[in-house]
Structure formats: structure tokens, C-alpha cells
Amino acid sequence: MTLKLINFINMPYNISGDQLPILKTTCNIIIFSIVIIHVAHILAVN
């Protein structure tokens, strides 16, 4: 599941080289947010 998500996120990189840094930064922020929320949820449950 995670690998499929990463591959899906990486897809735009191959399409557009010009906007690569912007896309990469945006995706990293999104992934970081998801990880933080996930960890917070696990901590909240426990």
C-alpha cells in the first residue's frame, strides 16, 4: 500500500522536470503531515 502511494506520488516527477522541486517539496510536506497525524493517532489510541 505504502509503495503504491509512493509510486503514485513519484509519477508527476517523470512527467514534468521543470516543476520538479515544487512537486517534491509539496509531496514531502503531504507525506510528513500524514506521518505526523498517523503517529499522533497511534499515541492517542495507546
PDB file of N, CA and C in Angstrom:
ATOM      1  N   MET A   1       0.835  -1.200   0.000  1.00  0.00           N
ATOM      2  CA  MET A   1       0.000   0.000   0.000  1.00  0.00           C
ATOM      3  C   MET A   1       0.872   1.253   0.000  1.00  0.00           C
ATOM      4  N   THR A   2       1.836   1.282   0.916  1.00  0.00           N
ATOM      5  CA  THR A   2       2.713   2.453   1.013  1.00  0.00           C
ATOM      6  C   THR A   2       3.541   2.615  -0.257  1.00  0.00           C
ATOM      7  N   LEU A   3       4.048   1.512  -0.794  1.00  0.00           N
ATOM      8  CA  LEU A   3       4.851   1.574  -2.013  1.00  0.00           C
ATOM      9  C   LEU A   3       4.029   2.096  -3.181  1.00  0.00           C
ATOM     10  N   LYS A   4       2.768   1.642  -3.272  1.00  0.00           N
ATOM     11  CA  LYS A   4       1.891   2.116  -4.341  1.00  0.00           C
ATOM     12  C   LYS A   4       1.676   3.612  -4.212  1.00  0.00           C
ATOM     13  N   LEU A   5       1.510   4.082  -2.964  1.00  0.00           N
ATOM     14  CA  LEU A   5       1.310   5.506  -2.707  1.00  0.00           C
ATOM     15  C   LEU A   5       2.536   6.301  -3.131  1.00  0.00           C
ATOM     16  N   ILE A   6       3.719   5.785  -2.786  1.00  0.00           N
ATOM     17  CA  ILE A   6       4.970   6.457  -3.147  1.00  0.00           C
ATOM     18  C   ILE A   6       5.126   6.503  -4.666  1.00  0.00           C
ATOM     19  N   ASN A   7       4.835   5.403  -5.349  1.00  0.00           N
ATOM     20  CA  ASN A   7       4.929   5.370  -6.809  1.00  0.00           C
ATOM     21  C   ASN A   7       3.960   6.358  -7.437  1.00  0.00           C
ATOM     22  N   PHE A   8       2.758   6.457  -6.867  1.00  0.00           N
ATOM     23  CA  PHE A   8       1.744   7.381  -7.366  1.00  0.00           C
ATOM     24  C   PHE A   8       2.210   8.820  -7.197  1.00  0.00           C
ATOM     25  N   ILE A   9       2.845   9.104  -6.055  1.00  0.00           N
ATOM     26  CA  ILE A   9       3.345  10.455  -5.777  1.00  0.00           C
ATOM     27  C   ILE A   9       4.529  10.779  -6.684  1.00  0.00           C
ATOM     28  N   ASN A  10       5.338   9.781  -7.011  1.00  0.00           N
ATOM     29  CA  ASN A  10       6.522   9.994  -7.841  1.00  0.00           C
ATOM     30  C   ASN A  10       6.178  10.177  -9.323  1.00  0.00           C
ATOM     31  N   MET A  11       4.987   9.763  -9.723  1.00  0.00           N
ATOM     32  CA  MET A  11       4.592   9.835 -11.132  1.00  0.00           C
ATOM     33  C   MET A  11       4.763  11.224 -11.754  1.00  0.00           C
ATOM     34  N   PRO A  12       4.280  12.298 -11.113  1.00  0.00           N
ATOM     35  CA  PRO A  12       4.410  13.625 -11.736  1.00  0.00           C
ATOM     36  C   PRO A  12       5.857  14.040 -11.979  1.00  0.00           C
ATOM     37  N   TYR A  13       6.804  13.516 -11.189  1.00  0.00           N
ATOM     38  CA  TYR A  13       8.213  13.868 -11.355  1.00  0.00           C
ATOM     39  C   TYR A  13       8.698  13.499 -12.753  1.00  0.00           C
ATOM     40  N   ASN A  14       8.246  12.340 -13.244  1.00  0.00           N
ATOM     41  CA  ASN A  14       8.685  11.860 -14.552  1.00  0.00           C
ATOM     42  C   ASN A  14       8.055  12.673 -15.678  1.00  0.00           C
ATOM     43  N   ILE A  15       6.864  13.221 -15.428  1.00  0.00           N
ATOM     44  CA  ILE A  15       6.140  13.970 -16.455  1.00  0.00           C
ATOM     45  C   ILE A  15       6.751  15.353 -16.644  1.00  0.00           C
ATOM     46  N   SER A  16       7.013  16.072 -15.534  1.00  0.00           N
ATOM     47  CA  SER A  16       7.474  17.450 -15.629  1.00  0.00           C
ATOM     48  C   SER A  16       8.776  17.666 -14.874  1.00  0.00           C
ATOM     49  N   GLY A  17       9.841  17.975 -15.605  1.00  0.00           N
ATOM     50  CA  GLY A  17      11.132  18.226 -14.985  1.00  0.00           C
ATOM     51  C   GLY A  17      11.253  19.635 -14.441  1.00  0.00           C
ATOM     52  N   ASP A  18      10.512  20.593 -15.058  1.00  0.00           N
ATOM     53  CA  ASP A  18      10.614  21.999 -14.676  1.00  0.00           C
ATOM     54  C   ASP A  18      10.082  22.254 -13.270  1.00  0.00           C
ATOM     55  N   GLN A  19       8.968  21.620 -12.935  1.00  0.00           N
ATOM     56  CA  GLN A  19       8.324  21.864 -11.645  1.00  0.00           C
ATOM     57  C   GLN A  19       8.736  20.830 -10.601  1.00  0.00           C
ATOM     58  N   LEU A  20       9.794  20.100 -10.891  1.00  0.00           N
ATOM     59  CA  LEU A  20      10.253  19.024 -10.012  1.00  0.00           C
ATOM     60  C   LEU A  20      10.459  19.465  -8.563  1.00  0.00           C
ATOM     61  N   PRO A  21      11.208  20.550  -8.295  1.00  0.00           N
ATOM     62  CA  PRO A  21      11.442  20.939  -6.896  1.00  0.00           C
ATOM     63  C   PRO A  21      10.157  21.276  -6.151  1.00  0.00           C
ATOM     64  N   ILE A  22       9.235  21.975  -6.823  1.00  0.00           N
ATOM     65  CA  ILE A  22       7.967  22.372  -6.198  1.00  0.00           C
ATOM     66  C   ILE A  22       7.144  21.134  -5.862  1.00  0.00           C
ATOM     67  N   LEU A  23       7.033  20.226  -6.813  1.00  0.00           N
ATOM     68  CA  LEU A  23       6.267  18.990  -6.601  1.00  0.00           C
ATOM     69  C   LEU A  23       6.875  18.171  -5.473  1.00  0.00           C
ATOM     70  N   LYS A  24       8.193  18.070  -5.488  1.00  0.00           N
ATOM     71  CA  LYS A  24       8.889  17.260  -4.489  1.00  0.00           C
ATOM     72  C   LYS A  24       8.647  17.829  -3.093  1.00  0.00           C
ATOM     73  N   THR A  25       8.757  19.159  -2.975  1.00  0.00           N
ATOM     74  CA  THR A  25       8.547  19.815  -1.683  1.00  0.00           C
ATOM     75  C   THR A  25       7.118  19.609  -1.214  1.00  0.00           C
ATOM     76  N   THR A  26       6.160  19.818  -2.116  1.00  0.00           N
ATOM     77  CA  THR A  26       4.743  19.667  -1.771  1.00  0.00           C
ATOM     78  C   THR A  26       4.450  18.246  -1.309  1.00  0.00           C
ATOM     79  N   CYS A  27       4.934  17.266  -2.048  1.00  0.00           N
ATOM     80  CA  CYS A  27       4.699  15.860  -1.709  1.00  0.00           C
ATOM     81  C   CYS A  27       5.351  15.498  -0.377  1.00  0.00           C
ATOM     82  N   ASN A  28       6.551  16.036  -0.146  1.00  0.00           N
ATOM     83  CA  ASN A  28       7.233  15.762   1.124  1.00  0.00           C
ATOM     84  C   ASN A  28       6.448  16.330   2.295  1.00  0.00           C
ATOM     85  N   ILE A  29       5.877  17.534   2.110  1.00  0.00           N
ATOM     86  CA  ILE A  29       5.066  18.155   3.161  1.00  0.00           C
ATOM     87  C   ILE A  29       3.830  17.307   3.431  1.00  0.00           C
ATOM     88  N   ILE A  30       3.195  16.824   2.355  1.00  0.00           N
ATOM     89  CA  ILE A  30       1.987  15.998   2.491  1.00  0.00           C
ATOM     90  C   ILE A  30       2.330  14.697   3.222  1.00  0.00           C
ATOM     91  N   ILE A  31       3.403  14.027   2.796  1.00  0.00           N
ATOM     92  CA  ILE A  31       3.816  12.768   3.425  1.00  0.00           C
ATOM     93  C   ILE A  31       4.148  13.003   4.891  1.00  0.00           C
ATOM     94  N   PHE A  32       4.882  14.098   5.164  1.00  0.00           N
ATOM     95  CA  PHE A  32       5.265  14.428   6.535  1.00  0.00           C
ATOM     96  C   PHE A  32       4.022  14.623   7.397  1.00  0.00           C
ATOM     97  N   SER A  33       3.037  15.340   6.861  1.00  0.00           N
ATOM     98  CA  SER A  33       1.788  15.586   7.594  1.00  0.00           C
ATOM     99  C   SER A  33       1.062  14.279   7.891  1.00  0.00           C
ATOM    100  N   ILE A  34       0.993  13.394   6.894  1.00  0.00           N
ATOM    101  CA  ILE A  34       0.314  12.103   7.064  1.00  0.00           C
ATOM    102  C   ILE A  34       1.014  11.295   8.153  1.00  0.00           C
ATOM    103  N   VAL A  35       2.346  11.286   8.126  1.00  0.00           N
ATOM    104  CA  VAL A  35       3.118  10.535   9.124  1.00  0.00           C
ATOM    105  C   VAL A  35       2.865  11.093  10.519  1.00  0.00           C
ATOM    106  N   ILE A  36       2.890  12.415  10.657  1.00  0.00           N
ATOM    107  CA  ILE A  36       2.660  13.059  11.957  1.00  0.00           C
ATOM    108  C   ILE A  36       1.272  12.709  12.479  1.00  0.00           C
ATOM    109  N   ILE A  37       0.257  12.820  11.611  1.00  0.00           N
ATOM    110  CA  ILE A  37      -1.124  12.511  12.005  1.00  0.00           C
ATOM    111  C   ILE A  37      -1.231  11.045  12.419  1.00  0.00           C
ATOM    112  N   HIS A  38      -0.588  10.165  11.646  1.00  0.00           N
ATOM    113  CA  HIS A  38      -0.626   8.724  11.916  1.00  0.00           C
ATOM    114  C   HIS A  38      -0.003   8.417  13.277  1.00  0.00           C
ATOM    115  N   VAL A  39       1.164   8.998  13.526  1.00  0.00           N
ATOM    116  CA  VAL A  39       1.862   8.786  14.799  1.00  0.00           C
ATOM    117  C   VAL A  39       1.029   9.343  15.950  1.00  0.00           C
ATOM    118  N   ALA A  40       0.472  10.536  15.763  1.00  0.00           N
ATOM    119  CA  ALA A  40      -0.359  11.157  16.797  1.00  0.00           C
ATOM    120  C   ALA A  40      -1.574  10.282  17.101  1.00  0.00           C
ATOM    121  N   HIS A  41      -2.142   9.690  16.060  1.00  0.00           N
ATOM    122  CA  HIS A  41      -3.311   8.819  16.223  1.00  0.00           C
ATOM    123  C   HIS A  41      -2.939   7.575  17.032  1.00  0.00           C
ATOM    124  N   ILE A  42      -1.795   6.978  16.704  1.00  0.00           N
ATOM    125  CA  ILE A  42      -1.327   5.787  17.427  1.00  0.00           C
ATOM    126  C   ILE A  42      -1.100   6.125  18.902  1.00  0.00           C
ATOM    127  N   LEU A  43      -0.475   7.275  19.151  1.00  0.00           N
ATOM    128  CA  LEU A  43      -0.217   7.697  20.531  1.00  0.00           C
ATOM    129  C   LEU A  43      -1.525   7.965  21.269  1.00  0.00           C
ATOM    130  N   ALA A  44      -2.486   8.548  20.566  1.00  0.00           N
ATOM    131  CA  ALA A  44      -3.779   8.866  21.177  1.00  0.00           C
ATOM    132  C   ALA A  44      -4.533   7.586  21.544  1.00  0.00           C
ATOM    133  N   VAL A  45      -4.454   6.573  20.671  1.00  0.00           N
ATOM    134  CA  VAL A  45      -5.143   5.302  20.911  1.00  0.00           C
ATOM    135  C   VAL A  45      -4.520   4.593  22.110  1.00  0.00           C
ATOM    136  N   ASN A  46      -3.187   4.607  22.173  1.00  0.00           N
ATOM    137  CA  ASN A  46      -2.498   3.950  23.286  1.00  0.00           C
ATOM    138  C   ASN A  46      -2.551   4.829  24.519  1.00  0.00           C
TER     139      ASN A  46
END
